[in-house]
Amino acid sequence: MGEARRRRLLAHQAPGQIQAAPSSAPGAWPLSNEARQRELERWFDERGIDFSRPGIQDTPAFLREERRFPRALEFVARYVEARAYTPPELADARRKVRIAADAVATRLARDGRPGRCVSAASGLSRMLDEMGIWNFVAKANVSVRFPPELGVGSRYFYSVDINMPDAPHAIVVAPPFTIVDPSIKHQVYETSAMAAALPGLVISDEMQAYRPEFTELISPEYCEYRGLGGGERQLERFLRQHHANMLEVLEQLPPRQVSTGAGGRIGYTIVAVGGYVERLRDCVSRHCQLDGLTPPEIFLRDVIPHLS
């Protein structure tokens, strides 16, 4: 593609990031569900888990429950999405999430290494915990549909593949934002034009629902390896038999998408919940680093100065 044509294509989106249009009810969190919130609060209360503030996953009672029931972190994620938030809570979170997400996205761009989505999302999540912002790290299957003018089709980050990844991709959900993704641009793509067509930060406060095809969740190579024909019904049966937990998470934490402009789209299907076990102050391993800095260093240098 010629440079002039590429620039025309990219002109359809704001430079550096995607910001979805404001939701129809400003100040509202679109995933609040009073009945689910009460149900989850009963679940926490019955186990003696304090759910009154962010960081549920760090409390002693939760850690005891998690040793007994490894999927307990999914209940925290479900609570973050189902919980009701006041307008002041969301306004405060909106400002702080933007500051931290911009800081992580900037450091990630300077870092230059591809495939750092887990480090970026997990470090960002721990910064938000430090600031008292409700959030969770979502392991997400991703479907990237590039603008037709690019002529490259779609790119998938499969949950079920020959080399099963720890996470096909990782994002943060932090009300009022249904998607905070600082790393989609910095994954491995077949051409430089594909990466160039993507933003340095995806951040959306809309809930644009979509339903992924099962062919978006399982790679063709894996289908061939397992002798799966590739039909939707056969793939669904396979997933329900071998990856039932993944489908349950998909139902509890609904898939979402964001438009990238010029006919492009990124679809996120949450298939698991994760993140760093360590609190922010303890995220000092070199594997956590972006641009040579640990998450606490990024927080001190790039986030704290912008909070006042």
Foldseek 3Di string as FASTA:
>chain_A
DDPVVLVVLLVQADAFEHEDDADPDPLFAVQADVVLLVVLVVVCVVQVFDPPFPPSCVDPSNVVVCVVPVQSVLSLQLNQRHHTDGSVLQVLQVVQLVQLLVLLLVLQVLQLAADLQQLSAQLSVLLCVVVGFRKFKFQWWKKKAFQVVVVDGIDTQACAEPPHDPGSGIFMCTPLWRTWGQHPLRHDDPDNSVSVLHHNIYTYSDFAADDDQLCRHHDPRVCVVVVNPSDRVSSVVVCCVPPVQQVVSCVSSPKGKDASGNPIIMIIRGRGTDHDPDRQVPQPDPSSDGNRDHSVVSCVPRRVVPSD
